Amino acid sequence: MRYNDVRPTLKTGDLLAWTHDGIESWHDFEVQLVRVGTRSEFTHVGVAFVFAQRVFVIEAVGTGVRIFPLSRLLPFYLVRKPKPLGEVAIEYAFQHIGVEYESKLAMVLAFITGESLANNKRLQCCELTRAIYDADDDPLDCEDKPTSVVRVAMETWGPLEWVAP
């Protein structure tokens, strides 16, 4: 599906996911390292946020937790949440804007060693996304890996859709 066709149907709370194949920069190399290290088909997840007829993603990235225009992150995958996020979950998400991002190296090392990163004050994309859904009493019970989050969302809410520019 094309973004312009899907955009009017998106709602706050829909799960967004990305995959990444090429290596053209240092960032691409880091993303591939995480992807291989976590054995994840998807490299990133976030939550749709619709406001003032604009669509954003709430996500944890290298600069920290942010709200960013979804139209600047095409293409992506979509799993539609049956009901929009409630106010408690939205408030939770906004309280975390600006929180530091977990380092990619720490994530890969944690995967290798089995050490949990859940008790530090930094967030990674899966951790933030799952916590937002937890705050909405709609938990995705899975590992903090993008592919795990996407698979459980598909089992719980419905099919995965590809959204092209």
C-alpha atoms as a PDB file:
ATOM      1  CA  MET A   1       0.000   0.000   0.000  1.00  0.00           C
ATOM      2  CA  ARG A   2       1.044   3.591  -0.553  1.00  0.00           C
ATOM      3  CA  TYR A   3       1.593   5.955   2.374  1.00  0.00           C
ATOM      4  CA  ASN A   4      -0.849   8.565   1.029  1.00  0.00           C
ATOM      5  CA  ASP A   5      -3.596   5.912   0.960  1.00  0.00           C
ATOM      6  CA  VAL A   6      -2.783   4.498   4.412  1.00  0.00           C
ATOM      7  CA  ARG A   7      -2.136   7.802   6.206  1.00  0.00           C
ATOM      8  CA  PRO A   8      -5.813   8.769   6.797  1.00  0.00           C
ATOM      9  CA  THR A   9      -6.492   5.348   8.346  1.00  0.00           C
ATOM     10  CA  LEU A  10      -3.617   5.376  10.854  1.00  0.00           C
ATOM     11  CA  LYS A  11      -4.464   5.847  14.498  1.00  0.00           C
ATOM     12  CA  THR A  12      -2.555   6.574  17.675  1.00  0.00           C
ATOM     13  CA  GLY A  13      -1.212   3.263  18.927  1.00  0.00           C
ATOM     14  CA  ASP A  14      -0.636   1.430  15.665  1.00  0.00           C
ATOM     15  CA  LEU A  15       2.665  -0.462  15.702  1.00  0.00           C
ATOM     16  CA  LEU A  16       5.266   0.664  13.169  1.00  0.00           C
ATOM     17  CA  ALA A  17       8.323  -1.390  12.218  1.00  0.00           C
ATOM     18  CA  TRP A  18      11.337  -1.070   9.951  1.00  0.00           C
ATOM     19  CA  THR A  19      13.915  -3.372   8.466  1.00  0.00           C
ATOM     20  CA  HIS A  20      17.273  -2.387   7.069  1.00  0.00           C
ATOM     21  CA  ASP A  21      19.389  -4.252   4.538  1.00  0.00           C
ATOM     22  CA  GLY A  22      22.225  -2.142   3.146  1.00  0.00           C
ATOM     23  CA  ILE A  23      25.469  -0.918   4.659  1.00  0.00           C
ATOM     24  CA  GLU A  24      26.318   2.501   3.268  1.00  0.00           C
ATOM     25  CA  SER A  25      27.354   4.293   6.470  1.00  0.00           C
ATOM     26  CA  TRP A  26      28.586   3.742  10.023  1.00  0.00           C
ATOM     27  CA  HIS A  27      24.966   3.956  11.221  1.00  0.00           C
ATOM     28  CA  ASP A  28      23.987   1.211   8.757  1.00  0.00           C
ATOM     29  CA  PHE A  29      26.828  -0.946  10.101  1.00  0.00           C
ATOM     30  CA  GLU A  30      25.633  -0.422  13.698  1.00  0.00           C
ATOM     31  CA  VAL A  31      22.046  -1.277  12.731  1.00  0.00           C
ATOM     32  CA  GLN A  32      23.201  -4.472  11.009  1.00  0.00           C
ATOM     33  CA  LEU A  33      25.291  -5.379  14.058  1.00  0.00           C
ATOM     34  CA  VAL A  34      22.202  -5.124  16.259  1.00  0.00           C
ATOM     35  CA  ARG A  35      20.113  -7.011  13.705  1.00  0.00           C
ATOM     36  CA  VAL A  36      22.601  -9.896  13.517  1.00  0.00           C
ATOM     37  CA  GLY A  37      23.326  -9.812  17.252  1.00  0.00           C
ATOM     38  CA  THR A  38      19.646 -10.039  18.162  1.00  0.00           C
ATOM     39  CA  ARG A  39      18.750 -12.328  15.241  1.00  0.00           C
ATOM     40  CA  SER A  40      15.944  -9.962  14.352  1.00  0.00           C
ATOM     41  CA  GLU A  41      14.322  -9.564  10.942  1.00  0.00           C
ATOM     42  CA  PHE A  42      13.153  -6.090  11.928  1.00  0.00           C
ATOM     43  CA  THR A  43      15.598  -3.442  13.121  1.00  0.00           C
ATOM     44  CA  HIS A  44      13.309  -0.879  14.732  1.00  0.00           C
ATOM     45  CA  VAL A  45       9.809  -0.396  16.138  1.00  0.00           C
ATOM     46  CA  GLY A  46       7.770   2.609  17.238  1.00  0.00           C
ATOM     47  CA  VAL A  47       4.226   3.685  17.977  1.00  0.00           C
ATOM     48  CA  ALA A  48       2.063   5.877  15.743  1.00  0.00           C
ATOM     49  CA  PHE A  49       0.813   9.137  17.209  1.00  0.00           C
ATOM     50  CA  VAL A  50      -1.831  11.152  15.341  1.00  0.00           C
ATOM     51  CA  PHE A  51      -2.268  14.802  16.270  1.00  0.00           C
ATOM     52  CA  ALA A  52      -3.697  17.798  14.416  1.00  0.00           C
ATOM     53  CA  GLN A  53      -4.175  15.710  11.267  1.00  0.00           C
ATOM     54  CA  ARG A  54      -0.461  14.836  11.267  1.00  0.00           C
ATOM     55  CA  VAL A  55       1.039  11.393  11.810  1.00  0.00           C
ATOM     56  CA  PHE A  56       4.143  10.948  13.937  1.00  0.00           C
ATOM     57  CA  VAL A  57       6.106   8.083  15.420  1.00  0.00           C
ATOM     58  CA  ILE A  58       7.066   7.945  19.087  1.00  0.00           C
ATOM     59  CA  GLU A  59      10.363   6.108  19.098  1.00  0.00           C
ATOM     60  CA  ALA A  60      13.655   5.549  20.883  1.00  0.00           C
ATOM     61  CA  VAL A  61      16.621   6.327  18.614  1.00  0.00           C
ATOM     62  CA  GLY A  62      20.280   7.283  19.056  1.00  0.00           C
ATOM     63  CA  THR A  63      19.387  10.829  20.116  1.00  0.00           C
ATOM     64  CA  GLY A  64      16.845   9.568  22.667  1.00  0.00           C
ATOM     65  CA  VAL A  65      13.090   9.174  22.815  1.00  0.00           C
ATOM     66  CA  ARG A  66      11.432  11.504  20.331  1.00  0.00           C
ATOM     67  CA  ILE A  67       8.332  12.294  18.298  1.00  0.00           C
ATOM     68  CA  PHE A  68       9.140  12.423  14.592  1.00  0.00           C
ATOM     69  CA  PRO A  69       7.073  12.875  11.396  1.00  0.00           C
ATOM     70  CA  LEU A  70       6.253   9.431  10.021  1.00  0.00           C
ATOM     71  CA  SER A  71       6.312  10.733   6.449  1.00  0.00           C
ATOM     72  CA  ARG A  72      10.094  11.152   6.813  1.00  0.00           C
ATOM     73  CA  LEU A  73      10.592   7.476   7.706  1.00  0.00           C
ATOM     74  CA  LEU A  74       9.172   5.710   4.659  1.00  0.00           C
ATOM     75  CA  PRO A  75       8.843   2.830   3.888  1.00  0.00           C
ATOM     76  CA  PHE A  76       7.688   0.901   6.966  1.00  0.00           C
ATOM     77  CA  TYR A  77       5.616  -2.019   8.176  1.00  0.00           C
ATOM     78  CA  LEU A  78       2.348  -1.578  10.047  1.00  0.00           C
ATOM     79  CA  VAL A  79       0.348  -3.680  12.496  1.00  0.00           C
ATOM     80  CA  ARG A  80      -2.937  -1.975  13.292  1.00  0.00           C
ATOM     81  CA  LYS A  81      -3.905  -1.896  16.959  1.00  0.00           C
ATOM     82  CA  PRO A  82      -7.661  -2.552  17.234  1.00  0.00           C
ATOM     83  CA  LYS A  83      -8.269   0.414  19.560  1.00  0.00           C
ATOM     84  CA  PRO A  84      -6.374   3.708  19.788  1.00  0.00           C
ATOM     85  CA  LEU A  85      -4.076   4.274  22.755  1.00  0.00           C
ATOM     86  CA  GLY A  86      -5.773   5.643  25.829  1.00  0.00           C
ATOM     87  CA  GLU A  87      -4.772   8.808  27.668  1.00  0.00           C
ATOM     88  CA  VAL A  88      -2.693   6.977  30.304  1.00  0.00           C
ATOM     89  CA  ALA A  89      -0.494   5.383  27.636  1.00  0.00           C
ATOM     90  CA  ILE A  90      -0.145   8.657  25.726  1.00  0.00           C
ATOM     91  CA  GLU A  91       0.837  10.441  28.932  1.00  0.00           C
ATOM     92  CA  TYR A  92       3.361   7.689  29.684  1.00  0.00           C
ATOM     93  CA  ALA A  93       4.900   8.099  26.219  1.00  0.00           C
ATOM     94  CA  PHE A  94       5.151  11.876  26.569  1.00  0.00           C
ATOM     95  CA  GLN A  95       6.754  11.597  30.003  1.00  0.00           C
ATOM     96  CA  HIS A  96       9.605   9.710  28.347  1.00  0.00           C
ATOM     97  CA  ILE A  97      10.323  12.145  25.503  1.00  0.00           C
ATOM     98  CA  GLY A  98      14.023  13.014  25.749  1.00  0.00           C
ATOM     99  CA  VAL A  99      15.047   9.953  27.779  1.00  0.00           C
ATOM    100  CA  GLU A 100      18.453   8.671  26.660  1.00  0.00           C
ATOM    101  CA  TYR A 101      18.756   5.809  24.189  1.00  0.00           C
ATOM    102  CA  GLU A 102      20.419   2.531  25.088  1.00  0.00           C
ATOM    103  CA  SER A 103      23.739   2.112  23.295  1.00  0.00           C
ATOM    104  CA  LYS A 104      23.768  -0.380  20.440  1.00  0.00           C
ATOM    105  CA  LEU A 105      26.927  -1.967  21.817  1.00  0.00           C
ATOM    106  CA  ALA A 106      25.272  -2.481  25.213  1.00  0.00           C
ATOM    107  CA  MET A 107      22.301  -4.135  23.481  1.00  0.00           C
ATOM    108  CA  VAL A 108      24.488  -6.551  21.522  1.00  0.00           C
ATOM    109  CA  LEU A 109      26.591  -7.371  24.605  1.00  0.00           C
ATOM    110  CA  ALA A 110      23.437  -7.929  26.667  1.00  0.00           C
ATOM    111  CA  PHE A 111      22.139 -10.306  24.025  1.00  0.00           C
ATOM    112  CA  ILE A 112      25.422 -12.254  24.010  1.00  0.00           C
ATOM    113  CA  THR A 113      25.761 -12.394  27.810  1.00  0.00           C
ATOM    114  CA  GLY A 114      22.061 -12.707  28.622  1.00  0.00           C
ATOM    115  CA  GLU A 115      22.307  -9.668  30.901  1.00  0.00           C
ATOM    116  CA  SER A 116      19.184  -7.556  31.287  1.00  0.00           C
ATOM    117  CA  LEU A 117      19.206  -3.850  30.489  1.00  0.00           C
ATOM    118  CA  ALA A 118      15.741  -3.332  31.956  1.00  0.00           C
ATOM    119  CA  ASN A 119      16.939  -1.702  35.184  1.00  0.00           C
ATOM    120  CA  ASN A 120      18.918   1.184  33.742  1.00  0.00           C
ATOM    121  CA  LYS A 121      17.407   4.553  32.883  1.00  0.00           C
ATOM    122  CA  ARG A 122      17.991   4.317  29.136  1.00  0.00           C
ATOM    123  CA  LEU A 123      15.477   3.005  26.632  1.00  0.00           C
ATOM    124  CA  GLN A 124      15.716   1.049  23.431  1.00  0.00           C
ATOM    125  CA  CYS A 125      12.955   0.977  20.823  1.00  0.00           C
ATOM    126  CA  CYS A 126      11.366  -2.322  21.887  1.00  0.00           C
ATOM    127  CA  GLU A 127      11.487  -1.479  25.569  1.00  0.00           C
ATOM    128  CA  LEU A 128       9.726   1.861  24.985  1.00  0.00           C
ATOM    129  CA  THR A 129       7.142   0.390  22.610  1.00  0.00           C
ATOM    130  CA  ARG A 130       6.246  -2.467  24.941  1.00  0.00           C
ATOM    131  CA  ALA A 131       6.055  -0.093  27.931  1.00  0.00           C
ATOM    132  CA  ILE A 132       3.612   2.168  26.056  1.00  0.00           C
ATOM    133  CA  TYR A 133       1.347  -0.801  25.329  1.00  0.00           C
ATOM    134  CA  ASP A 134       1.715  -1.994  28.943  1.00  0.00           C
ATOM    135  CA  ALA A 135       0.519   1.442  30.101  1.00  0.00           C
ATOM    136  CA  ASP A 136      -2.527   0.913  27.868  1.00  0.00           C
ATOM    137  CA  ASP A 137      -3.287  -2.469  29.536  1.00  0.00           C
ATOM    138  CA  ASP A 138      -2.586  -4.132  26.186  1.00  0.00           C
ATOM    139  CA  PRO A 139       0.796  -5.774  26.840  1.00  0.00           C
ATOM    140  CA  LEU A 140       2.905  -7.531  24.230  1.00  0.00           C
ATOM    141  CA  ASP A 141       4.468 -10.341  26.244  1.00  0.00           C
ATOM    142  CA  CYS A 142       7.738 -11.010  24.458  1.00  0.00           C
ATOM    143  CA  GLU A 143      11.470 -10.370  24.383  1.00  0.00           C
ATOM    144  CA  ASP A 144      12.794  -6.873  23.769  1.00  0.00           C
ATOM    145  CA  LYS A 145      13.588  -7.560  20.115  1.00  0.00           C
ATOM    146  CA  PRO A 146      11.896  -5.828  17.193  1.00  0.00           C
ATOM    147  CA  THR A 147      10.931  -9.104  15.518  1.00  0.00           C
ATOM    148  CA  SER A 148       9.433 -10.470  18.749  1.00  0.00           C
ATOM    149  CA  VAL A 149       7.359  -7.309  19.225  1.00  0.00           C
ATOM    150  CA  VAL A 150       6.099  -7.452  15.626  1.00  0.00           C
ATOM    151  CA  ARG A 151       5.256 -11.166  15.775  1.00  0.00           C
ATOM    152  CA  VAL A 152       3.318 -10.908  19.039  1.00  0.00           C
ATOM    153  CA  ALA A 153       1.454  -7.835  17.739  1.00  0.00           C
ATOM    154  CA  MET A 154       0.509  -9.773  14.612  1.00  0.00           C
ATOM    155  CA  GLU A 155      -0.723 -12.727  16.701  1.00  0.00           C
ATOM    156  CA  THR A 156      -2.697 -10.376  18.946  1.00  0.00           C
ATOM    157  CA  TRP A 157      -3.983  -7.650  16.599  1.00  0.00           C
ATOM    158  CA  GLY A 158      -3.760  -8.750  12.985  1.00  0.00           C
ATOM    159  CA  PRO A 159      -1.642  -8.905   9.833  1.00  0.00           C
ATOM    160  CA  LEU A 160       1.514  -7.064   8.903  1.00  0.00           C
ATOM    161  CA  GLU A 161       1.135  -4.491   6.130  1.00  0.00           C
ATOM    162  CA  TRP A 162       3.897  -2.995   3.959  1.00  0.00           C
ATOM    163  CA  VAL A 163       3.583   0.758   3.463  1.00  0.00           C
ATOM    164  CA  ALA A 164       5.547   2.189   0.533  1.00  0.00           C
ATOM    165  CA  PRO A 165       6.317   5.835  -0.261  1.00  0.00           C
END
